[in-house]
Amino acid sequence: MIASLTMYQRPQLASAHDNYWALIRQHLAAAGMDSPPVLAQQADDMSVWTDPGLVLSQTCGLPYRTELHHRVSLIGTPDFAVEGCAPGYYRSAIVVRKSERRTRIAEFRDAVFAYNQTGSQSGYAAPYWHVKARGFWFENRQATGGHLNSARAVAEGRADLAALDAVSWRLMQEYEPLSGELKVLDWTTPTPGLPYISAANANHLAIFQAVRQAVQDLSEEDRSALGLRDLVCIDKQTYLAVPTP
């Protein structure tokens, strides 16, 4: 068995994630299901997502629709109460340096765009369609390996703009001083958020109920730290309908 919740992990949230997982395990046990005592937070994401013993993990919408939807069970989508989005949805903040004088995305045609990876909905796919709708795509691109690295590249002047998952951006504003050097230029169109998944043969309804009850049972401190409001159902076809670059 294996489980992970790596998408929004950071040192300041380790305790909250552990408490959240303990509650999930408690409710899974009450439903007669086993689960690993510890989250595999350092394991390779794709290895976890495709493990036949996967109990629970969180993936990104892009790899879900391109590589995973036929290999896993869709459990539900955590609602992080992202401003400007329906429950369970999110969007990307396109950030620039606070000193930046350009005010429209069209003025960045020749700029250096930092992104975490091409397999990211929020870091690559969402800004791709946002910019393509304005008649171009960035020729000068810099892969950074993570949203925080992208933000740092912009803050340090190695890139001109980046697209950051709205929840990641919210956490950066809470914990990363470099966020004070950045501002939001624009927001992308909301899409379904990062879904929870389990192995293909999982009892998805029982797991959904266990996780949703765990969200409701979180302490106010942990709920606030994680930014979690609820677990919602967004169907598979809605995820698959999101376009891929």
C-alpha atoms as a PDB file:
ATOM      1  CA  MET A   1       0.000   0.000   0.000  1.00  0.00           C
ATOM      2  CA  ILE A   2       1.083   3.570  -0.635  1.00  0.00           C
ATOM      3  CA  ALA A   3      -0.365   7.075  -0.270  1.00  0.00           C
ATOM      4  CA  SER A   4       0.895  10.630  -0.726  1.00  0.00           C
ATOM      5  CA  LEU A   5      -0.309  14.218  -0.615  1.00  0.00           C
ATOM      6  CA  THR A   6       2.598  16.064  -2.193  1.00  0.00           C
ATOM      7  CA  MET A   7       0.995  18.735  -4.364  1.00  0.00           C
ATOM      8  CA  TYR A   8       0.951  21.481  -1.751  1.00  0.00           C
ATOM      9  CA  GLN A   9       3.427  20.127   0.764  1.00  0.00           C
ATOM     10  CA  ARG A  10       5.915  22.442   2.406  1.00  0.00           C
ATOM     11  CA  PRO A  11       7.705  22.274   5.791  1.00  0.00           C
ATOM     12  CA  GLN A  12       5.215  24.591   7.493  1.00  0.00           C
ATOM     13  CA  LEU A  13       2.336  22.250   6.563  1.00  0.00           C
ATOM     14  CA  ALA A  14       3.921  18.903   7.463  1.00  0.00           C
ATOM     15  CA  SER A  15       2.063  18.638  10.768  1.00  0.00           C
ATOM     16  CA  ALA A  16      -1.282  19.612   9.211  1.00  0.00           C
ATOM     17  CA  HIS A  17      -0.834  17.030   6.450  1.00  0.00           C
ATOM     18  CA  ASP A  18       0.032  14.359   9.021  1.00  0.00           C
ATOM     19  CA  ASN A  19      -3.078  15.201  11.053  1.00  0.00           C
ATOM     20  CA  TYR A  20      -5.203  15.171   7.901  1.00  0.00           C
ATOM     21  CA  TRP A  21      -3.868  11.762   6.891  1.00  0.00           C
ATOM     22  CA  ALA A  22      -4.476  10.389  10.404  1.00  0.00           C
ATOM     23  CA  LEU A  23      -8.137  11.422  10.122  1.00  0.00           C
ATOM     24  CA  ILE A  24      -8.426   9.904   6.649  1.00  0.00           C
ATOM     25  CA  ARG A  25      -6.947   6.637   7.931  1.00  0.00           C
ATOM     26  CA  GLN A  26      -9.382   6.655  10.844  1.00  0.00           C
ATOM     27  CA  HIS A  27     -12.374   6.922   8.526  1.00  0.00           C
ATOM     28  CA  LEU A  28     -10.972   4.422   6.034  1.00  0.00           C
ATOM     29  CA  ALA A  29     -10.512   1.933   8.883  1.00  0.00           C
ATOM     30  CA  ALA A  30     -14.103   2.520   9.987  1.00  0.00           C
ATOM     31  CA  ALA A  31     -15.130   1.551   6.452  1.00  0.00           C
ATOM     32  CA  GLY A  32     -13.035  -1.607   6.628  1.00  0.00           C
ATOM     33  CA  MET A  33     -10.150  -0.404   4.477  1.00  0.00           C
ATOM     34  CA  ASP A  34      -6.443  -0.608   5.237  1.00  0.00           C
ATOM     35  CA  SER A  35      -4.034   2.248   4.586  1.00  0.00           C
ATOM     36  CA  PRO A  36      -0.329   2.937   5.162  1.00  0.00           C
ATOM     37  CA  PRO A  37       0.503   4.642   8.468  1.00  0.00           C
ATOM     38  CA  VAL A  38       2.798   7.223   6.843  1.00  0.00           C
ATOM     39  CA  LEU A  39       2.495   9.272   3.668  1.00  0.00           C
ATOM     40  CA  ALA A  40       5.177   8.652   1.034  1.00  0.00           C
ATOM     41  CA  GLN A  41       5.888  12.357   0.590  1.00  0.00           C
ATOM     42  CA  GLN A  42       9.344  11.869  -0.924  1.00  0.00           C
ATOM     43  CA  ALA A  43       8.385   9.221  -3.487  1.00  0.00           C
ATOM     44  CA  ASP A  44       8.280   9.883  -7.235  1.00  0.00           C
ATOM     45  CA  ASP A  45       4.807  11.133  -8.087  1.00  0.00           C
ATOM     46  CA  MET A  46       4.183   9.053 -11.209  1.00  0.00           C
ATOM     47  CA  SER A  47       5.409   5.919  -9.452  1.00  0.00           C
ATOM     48  CA  VAL A  48       2.892   6.549  -6.676  1.00  0.00           C
ATOM     49  CA  TRP A  49       0.033   7.385  -9.022  1.00  0.00           C
ATOM     50  CA  THR A  50       0.486   4.185 -11.042  1.00  0.00           C
ATOM     51  CA  ASP A  51       1.161   1.887  -8.084  1.00  0.00           C
ATOM     52  CA  PRO A  52      -1.462  -0.915  -7.956  1.00  0.00           C
ATOM     53  CA  GLY A  53      -1.474  -0.514  -4.168  1.00  0.00           C
ATOM     54  CA  LEU A  54      -2.353   3.188  -4.281  1.00  0.00           C
ATOM     55  CA  VAL A  55      -4.790   4.116  -1.513  1.00  0.00           C
ATOM     56  CA  LEU A  56      -4.877   7.880  -2.054  1.00  0.00           C
ATOM     57  CA  SER A  57      -2.874  10.584  -3.770  1.00  0.00           C
ATOM     58  CA  GLN A  58      -3.379  13.914  -5.479  1.00  0.00           C
ATOM     59  CA  THR A  59      -2.445  14.445  -9.107  1.00  0.00           C
ATOM     60  CA  CYS A  60      -2.613  17.353 -11.542  1.00  0.00           C
ATOM     61  CA  GLY A  61      -5.412  17.635 -14.074  1.00  0.00           C
ATOM     62  CA  LEU A  62      -3.082  17.453 -17.074  1.00  0.00           C
ATOM     63  CA  PRO A  63      -1.415  14.089 -16.295  1.00  0.00           C
ATOM     64  CA  TYR A  64      -4.795  12.796 -15.152  1.00  0.00           C
ATOM     65  CA  ARG A  65      -6.351  13.392 -18.574  1.00  0.00           C
ATOM     66  CA  THR A  66      -3.284  12.463 -20.660  1.00  0.00           C
ATOM     67  CA  GLU A  67      -1.850   9.475 -18.774  1.00  0.00           C
ATOM     68  CA  LEU A  68      -3.872   8.362 -15.754  1.00  0.00           C
ATOM     69  CA  HIS A  69      -7.644   8.524 -16.293  1.00  0.00           C
ATOM     70  CA  HIS A  70      -7.843   4.974 -17.657  1.00  0.00           C
ATOM     71  CA  ARG A  71      -5.476   3.579 -15.020  1.00  0.00           C
ATOM     72  CA  VAL A  72      -6.827   5.006 -11.726  1.00  0.00           C
ATOM     73  CA  SER A  73     -10.074   5.736  -9.883  1.00  0.00           C
ATOM     74  CA  LEU A  74     -11.128   9.360  -9.621  1.00  0.00           C
ATOM     75  CA  ILE A  75     -12.065   9.950  -5.973  1.00  0.00           C
ATOM     76  CA  GLY A  76     -12.978  13.624  -5.746  1.00  0.00           C
ATOM     77  CA  THR A  77     -11.569  17.129  -5.867  1.00  0.00           C
ATOM     78  CA  PRO A  78     -10.535  19.087  -2.772  1.00  0.00           C
ATOM     79  CA  ASP A  79     -12.053  22.554  -2.643  1.00  0.00           C
ATOM     80  CA  PHE A  80      -9.451  25.121  -1.631  1.00  0.00           C
ATOM     81  CA  ALA A  81     -11.906  28.027  -1.824  1.00  0.00           C
ATOM     82  CA  VAL A  82      -9.930  29.747  -4.581  1.00  0.00           C
ATOM     83  CA  GLU A  83     -11.202  33.266  -5.134  1.00  0.00           C
ATOM     84  CA  GLY A  84     -13.005  33.711  -8.446  1.00  0.00           C
ATOM     85  CA  CYS A  85     -13.553  29.963  -8.900  1.00  0.00           C
ATOM     86  CA  ALA A  86     -16.409  27.509  -8.405  1.00  0.00           C
ATOM     87  CA  PRO A  87     -15.960  24.880  -5.653  1.00  0.00           C
ATOM     88  CA  GLY A  88     -13.148  22.501  -6.577  1.00  0.00           C
ATOM     89  CA  TYR A  89     -11.862  24.713  -9.379  1.00  0.00           C
ATOM     90  CA  TYR A  90      -8.671  26.759  -9.495  1.00  0.00           C
ATOM     91  CA  ARG A  91      -6.748  29.050 -11.812  1.00  0.00           C
ATOM     92  CA  SER A  92      -3.240  30.390 -12.348  1.00  0.00           C
ATOM     93  CA  ALA A  93      -1.810  33.705 -11.268  1.00  0.00           C
ATOM     94  CA  ILE A  94       0.422  35.156 -13.970  1.00  0.00           C
ATOM     95  CA  VAL A  95       3.001  37.049 -11.939  1.00  0.00           C
ATOM     96  CA  VAL A  96       5.616  39.658 -12.811  1.00  0.00           C
ATOM     97  CA  ARG A  97       8.002  41.803 -10.780  1.00  0.00           C
ATOM     98  CA  LYS A  98       6.417  44.665  -8.882  1.00  0.00           C
ATOM     99  CA  SER A  99       8.664  47.068 -10.786  1.00  0.00           C
ATOM    100  CA  GLU A 100       7.322  45.825 -14.139  1.00  0.00           C
ATOM    101  CA  ARG A 101       5.774  48.645 -16.182  1.00  0.00           C
ATOM    102  CA  ARG A 102       4.036  46.537 -18.800  1.00  0.00           C
ATOM    103  CA  THR A 103       0.373  46.018 -17.905  1.00  0.00           C
ATOM    104  CA  ARG A 104      -0.996  43.756 -20.662  1.00  0.00           C
ATOM    105  CA  ILE A 105      -0.023  40.188 -21.490  1.00  0.00           C
ATOM    106  CA  ALA A 106       0.288  41.148 -25.180  1.00  0.00           C
ATOM    107  CA  GLU A 107       3.263  43.339 -24.273  1.00  0.00           C
ATOM    108  CA  PHE A 108       5.231  40.251 -23.160  1.00  0.00           C
ATOM    109  CA  ARG A 109       5.464  38.595 -26.578  1.00  0.00           C
ATOM    110  CA  ASP A 110       9.294  38.593 -26.470  1.00  0.00           C
ATOM    111  CA  ALA A 111       9.585  38.058 -22.705  1.00  0.00           C
ATOM    112  CA  VAL A 112      11.122  35.092 -20.879  1.00  0.00           C
ATOM    113  CA  PHE A 113       8.378  32.864 -19.472  1.00  0.00           C
ATOM    114  CA  ALA A 114       9.224  30.605 -16.502  1.00  0.00           C
ATOM    115  CA  TYR A 115       7.191  27.441 -15.973  1.00  0.00           C
ATOM    116  CA  ASN A 116       7.470  24.474 -13.655  1.00  0.00           C
ATOM    117  CA  GLN A 117       7.074  21.704 -16.263  1.00  0.00           C
ATOM    118  CA  THR A 118       5.185  21.011 -19.472  1.00  0.00           C
ATOM    119  CA  GLY A 119       3.113  18.380 -17.641  1.00  0.00           C
ATOM    120  CA  SER A 120       1.486  21.017 -15.437  1.00  0.00           C
ATOM    121  CA  GLN A 121      -2.022  22.353 -15.964  1.00  0.00           C
ATOM    122  CA  SER A 122      -1.484  25.516 -13.931  1.00  0.00           C
ATOM    123  CA  GLY A 123       2.134  26.198 -14.865  1.00  0.00           C
ATOM    124  CA  TYR A 124       1.991  25.442 -18.585  1.00  0.00           C
ATOM    125  CA  ALA A 125      -1.351  24.397 -20.119  1.00  0.00           C
ATOM    126  CA  ALA A 126      -3.486  27.153 -18.579  1.00  0.00           C
ATOM    127  CA  PRO A 127      -1.130  30.001 -19.530  1.00  0.00           C
ATOM    128  CA  TYR A 128      -0.607  28.435 -22.973  1.00  0.00           C
ATOM    129  CA  TRP A 129      -4.290  28.779 -23.854  1.00  0.00           C
ATOM    130  CA  HIS A 130      -4.554  32.148 -22.106  1.00  0.00           C
ATOM    131  CA  VAL A 131      -1.737  33.565 -24.230  1.00  0.00           C
ATOM    132  CA  LYS A 132      -2.679  31.725 -27.440  1.00  0.00           C
ATOM    133  CA  ALA A 133      -6.068  33.448 -27.300  1.00  0.00           C
ATOM    134  CA  ARG A 134      -4.118  36.682 -27.712  1.00  0.00           C
ATOM    135  CA  GLY A 135      -2.379  35.459 -30.835  1.00  0.00           C
ATOM    136  CA  PHE A 136       1.016  34.191 -29.687  1.00  0.00           C
ATOM    137  CA  TRP A 137       2.985  31.882 -27.412  1.00  0.00           C
ATOM    138  CA  PHE A 138       6.255  32.605 -25.669  1.00  0.00           C
ATOM    139  CA  GLU A 139       9.290  31.688 -27.757  1.00  0.00           C
ATOM    140  CA  ASN A 140      11.614  32.291 -24.815  1.00  0.00           C
ATOM    141  CA  ARG A 141      10.746  29.722 -22.145  1.00  0.00           C
ATOM    142  CA  GLN A 142      12.590  28.535 -19.049  1.00  0.00           C
ATOM    143  CA  ALA A 143      11.726  25.263 -17.277  1.00  0.00           C
ATOM    144  CA  THR A 144      12.293  25.529 -13.535  1.00  0.00           C
ATOM    145  CA  GLY A 145      11.005  22.283 -12.023  1.00  0.00           C
ATOM    146  CA  GLY A 146       8.594  23.896  -9.564  1.00  0.00           C
ATOM    147  CA  HIS A 147       6.244  26.827  -8.965  1.00  0.00           C
ATOM    148  CA  LEU A 148       8.475  28.294  -6.259  1.00  0.00           C
ATOM    149  CA  ASN A 149      11.463  28.090  -8.607  1.00  0.00           C
ATOM    150  CA  SER A 150       9.444  29.909 -11.275  1.00  0.00           C
ATOM    151  CA  ALA A 151       8.494  32.651  -8.828  1.00  0.00           C
ATOM    152  CA  ARG A 152      12.125  32.957  -7.759  1.00  0.00           C
ATOM    153  CA  ALA A 153      13.279  33.207 -11.384  1.00  0.00           C
ATOM    154  CA  VAL A 154      10.959  36.173 -11.915  1.00  0.00           C
ATOM    155  CA  ALA A 155      11.859  37.843  -8.620  1.00  0.00           C
ATOM    156  CA  GLU A 156      15.577  37.519  -9.399  1.00  0.00           C
ATOM    157  CA  GLY A 157      15.220  38.832 -12.955  1.00  0.00           C
ATOM    158  CA  ARG A 158      16.078  35.583 -14.756  1.00  0.00           C
ATOM    159  CA  ALA A 159      12.560  35.497 -16.207  1.00  0.00           C
ATOM    160  CA  ASP A 160       9.921  38.133 -16.844  1.00  0.00           C
ATOM    161  CA  LEU A 161       6.746  36.292 -15.899  1.00  0.00           C
ATOM    162  CA  ALA A 162       5.453  32.942 -14.659  1.00  0.00           C
ATOM    163  CA  ALA A 163       2.144  31.170 -14.126  1.00  0.00           C
ATOM    164  CA  LEU A 164       1.571  29.861 -10.600  1.00  0.00           C
ATOM    165  CA  ASP A 165      -1.143  27.580  -9.254  1.00  0.00           C
ATOM    166  CA  ALA A 166      -3.453  29.877  -7.254  1.00  0.00           C
ATOM    167  CA  VAL A 167      -3.140  27.728  -4.121  1.00  0.00           C
ATOM    168  CA  SER A 168       0.649  27.631  -4.429  1.00  0.00           C
ATOM    169  CA  TRP A 169       0.666  31.410  -4.915  1.00  0.00           C
ATOM    170  CA  ARG A 170      -1.486  31.832  -1.804  1.00  0.00           C
ATOM    171  CA  LEU A 171       0.963  29.721   0.193  1.00  0.00           C
ATOM    172  CA  MET A 172       3.921  31.686  -1.173  1.00  0.00           C
ATOM    173  CA  GLN A 173       2.279  34.901  -0.015  1.00  0.00           C
ATOM    174  CA  GLU A 174       1.980  33.341   3.429  1.00  0.00           C
ATOM    175  CA  TYR A 175       5.466  31.862   3.753  1.00  0.00           C
ATOM    176  CA  GLU A 176       7.847  33.194   1.092  1.00  0.00           C
ATOM    177  CA  PRO A 177       9.315  36.714   1.418  1.00  0.00           C
ATOM    178  CA  LEU A 178      10.078  36.766  -2.310  1.00  0.00           C
ATOM    179  CA  SER A 179       6.342  36.989  -2.995  1.00  0.00           C
ATOM    180  CA  GLY A 180       6.565  40.606  -1.847  1.00  0.00           C
ATOM    181  CA  GLU A 181       8.638  41.350  -4.935  1.00  0.00           C
ATOM    182  CA  LEU A 182       5.910  40.084  -7.274  1.00  0.00           C
ATOM    183  CA  LYS A 183       2.450  41.160  -8.424  1.00  0.00           C
ATOM    184  CA  VAL A 184      -0.334  39.501 -10.404  1.00  0.00           C
ATOM    185  CA  LEU A 185      -0.548  40.663 -14.001  1.00  0.00           C
ATOM    186  CA  ASP A 186      -3.506  38.466 -14.951  1.00  0.00           C
ATOM    187  CA  TRP A 187      -5.456  35.304 -14.055  1.00  0.00           C
ATOM    188  CA  THR A 188      -6.157  32.338 -16.309  1.00  0.00           C
ATOM    189  CA  THR A 189      -9.582  30.788 -16.874  1.00  0.00           C
ATOM    190  CA  PRO A 190     -10.604  28.447 -13.996  1.00  0.00           C
ATOM    191  CA  THR A 191     -10.364  24.700 -14.592  1.00  0.00           C
ATOM    192  CA  PRO A 192     -11.053  21.665 -12.358  1.00  0.00           C
ATOM    193  CA  GLY A 193      -8.608  21.489  -9.471  1.00  0.00           C
ATOM    194  CA  LEU A 194      -6.058  18.825  -8.603  1.00  0.00           C
ATOM    195  CA  PRO A 195      -8.024  15.588  -8.070  1.00  0.00           C
ATOM    196  CA  TYR A 196      -7.588  12.845  -5.512  1.00  0.00           C
ATOM    197  CA  ILE A 197      -7.066   9.420  -7.092  1.00  0.00           C
ATOM    198  CA  SER A 198      -6.759   5.794  -5.993  1.00  0.00           C
ATOM    199  CA  ALA A 199      -5.985   2.467  -7.641  1.00  0.00           C
ATOM    200  CA  ALA A 200      -8.214   1.382 -10.511  1.00  0.00           C
ATOM    201  CA  ASN A 201     -10.056  -1.236  -8.445  1.00  0.00           C
ATOM    202  CA  ALA A 202     -10.653   1.033  -5.447  1.00  0.00           C
ATOM    203  CA  ASN A 203     -13.999   1.559  -3.736  1.00  0.00           C
ATOM    204  CA  HIS A 204     -14.086   5.180  -4.818  1.00  0.00           C
ATOM    205  CA  LEU A 205     -17.350   6.054  -3.088  1.00  0.00           C
ATOM    206  CA  ALA A 206     -16.184   4.749   0.294  1.00  0.00           C
ATOM    207  CA  ILE A 207     -12.876   6.587  -0.055  1.00  0.00           C
ATOM    208  CA  PHE A 208     -14.673   9.798  -1.056  1.00  0.00           C
ATOM    209  CA  GLN A 209     -16.844   9.605   2.054  1.00  0.00           C
ATOM    210  CA  ALA A 210     -13.849   8.884   4.301  1.00  0.00           C
ATOM    211  CA  VAL A 211     -11.828  11.793   2.928  1.00  0.00           C
ATOM    212  CA  ARG A 212     -14.750  14.208   3.023  1.00  0.00           C
ATOM    213  CA  GLN A 213     -15.427  13.325   6.649  1.00  0.00           C
ATOM    214  CA  ALA A 214     -11.734  13.858   7.426  1.00  0.00           C
ATOM    215  CA  VAL A 215     -11.894  17.342   5.890  1.00  0.00           C
ATOM    216  CA  GLN A 216     -14.888  18.140   8.089  1.00  0.00           C
ATOM    217  CA  ASP A 217     -13.110  16.783  11.171  1.00  0.00           C
ATOM    218  CA  LEU A 218      -9.947  18.854  10.742  1.00  0.00           C
ATOM    219  CA  SER A 219      -9.174  21.321  13.497  1.00  0.00           C
ATOM    220  CA  GLU A 220      -9.746  24.940  12.546  1.00  0.00           C
ATOM    221  CA  GLU A 221      -5.984  25.487  12.717  1.00  0.00           C
ATOM    222  CA  ASP A 222      -5.201  22.653  10.302  1.00  0.00           C
ATOM    223  CA  ARG A 223      -8.094  23.496   7.985  1.00  0.00           C
ATOM    224  CA  SER A 224      -6.897  27.093   7.794  1.00  0.00           C
ATOM    225  CA  ALA A 225      -3.265  26.061   7.238  1.00  0.00           C
ATOM    226  CA  LEU A 226      -4.176  23.701   4.395  1.00  0.00           C
ATOM    227  CA  GLY A 227      -6.806  26.052   2.989  1.00  0.00           C
ATOM    228  CA  LEU A 228      -9.273  23.165   2.660  1.00  0.00           C
ATOM    229  CA  ARG A 229     -13.011  23.794   2.652  1.00  0.00           C
ATOM    230  CA  ASP A 230     -14.575  20.599   1.299  1.00  0.00           C
ATOM    231  CA  LEU A 231     -14.279  17.627  -1.057  1.00  0.00           C
ATOM    232  CA  VAL A 232     -16.465  17.838  -4.162  1.00  0.00           C
ATOM    233  CA  CYS A 233     -17.368  15.664  -7.151  1.00  0.00           C
ATOM    234  CA  ILE A 234     -16.169  16.811 -10.572  1.00  0.00           C
ATOM    235  CA  ASP A 235     -16.797  14.079 -13.123  1.00  0.00           C
ATOM    236  CA  LYS A 236     -14.178  12.450 -15.315  1.00  0.00           C
ATOM    237  CA  GLN A 237     -15.543  13.893 -18.556  1.00  0.00           C
ATOM    238  CA  THR A 238     -15.174  17.431 -17.209  1.00  0.00           C
ATOM    239  CA  TYR A 239     -11.468  16.802 -16.628  1.00  0.00           C
ATOM    240  CA  LEU A 240     -11.029  15.198 -20.034  1.00  0.00           C
ATOM    241  CA  ALA A 241     -12.724  18.123 -21.756  1.00  0.00           C
ATOM    242  CA  VAL A 242      -9.964  20.547 -20.720  1.00  0.00           C
ATOM    243  CA  PRO A 243      -7.728  21.143 -23.794  1.00  0.00           C
ATOM    244  CA  THR A 244      -4.093  20.034 -23.791  1.00  0.00           C
ATOM    245  CA  PRO A 245      -1.380  22.024 -25.611  1.00  0.00           C
END
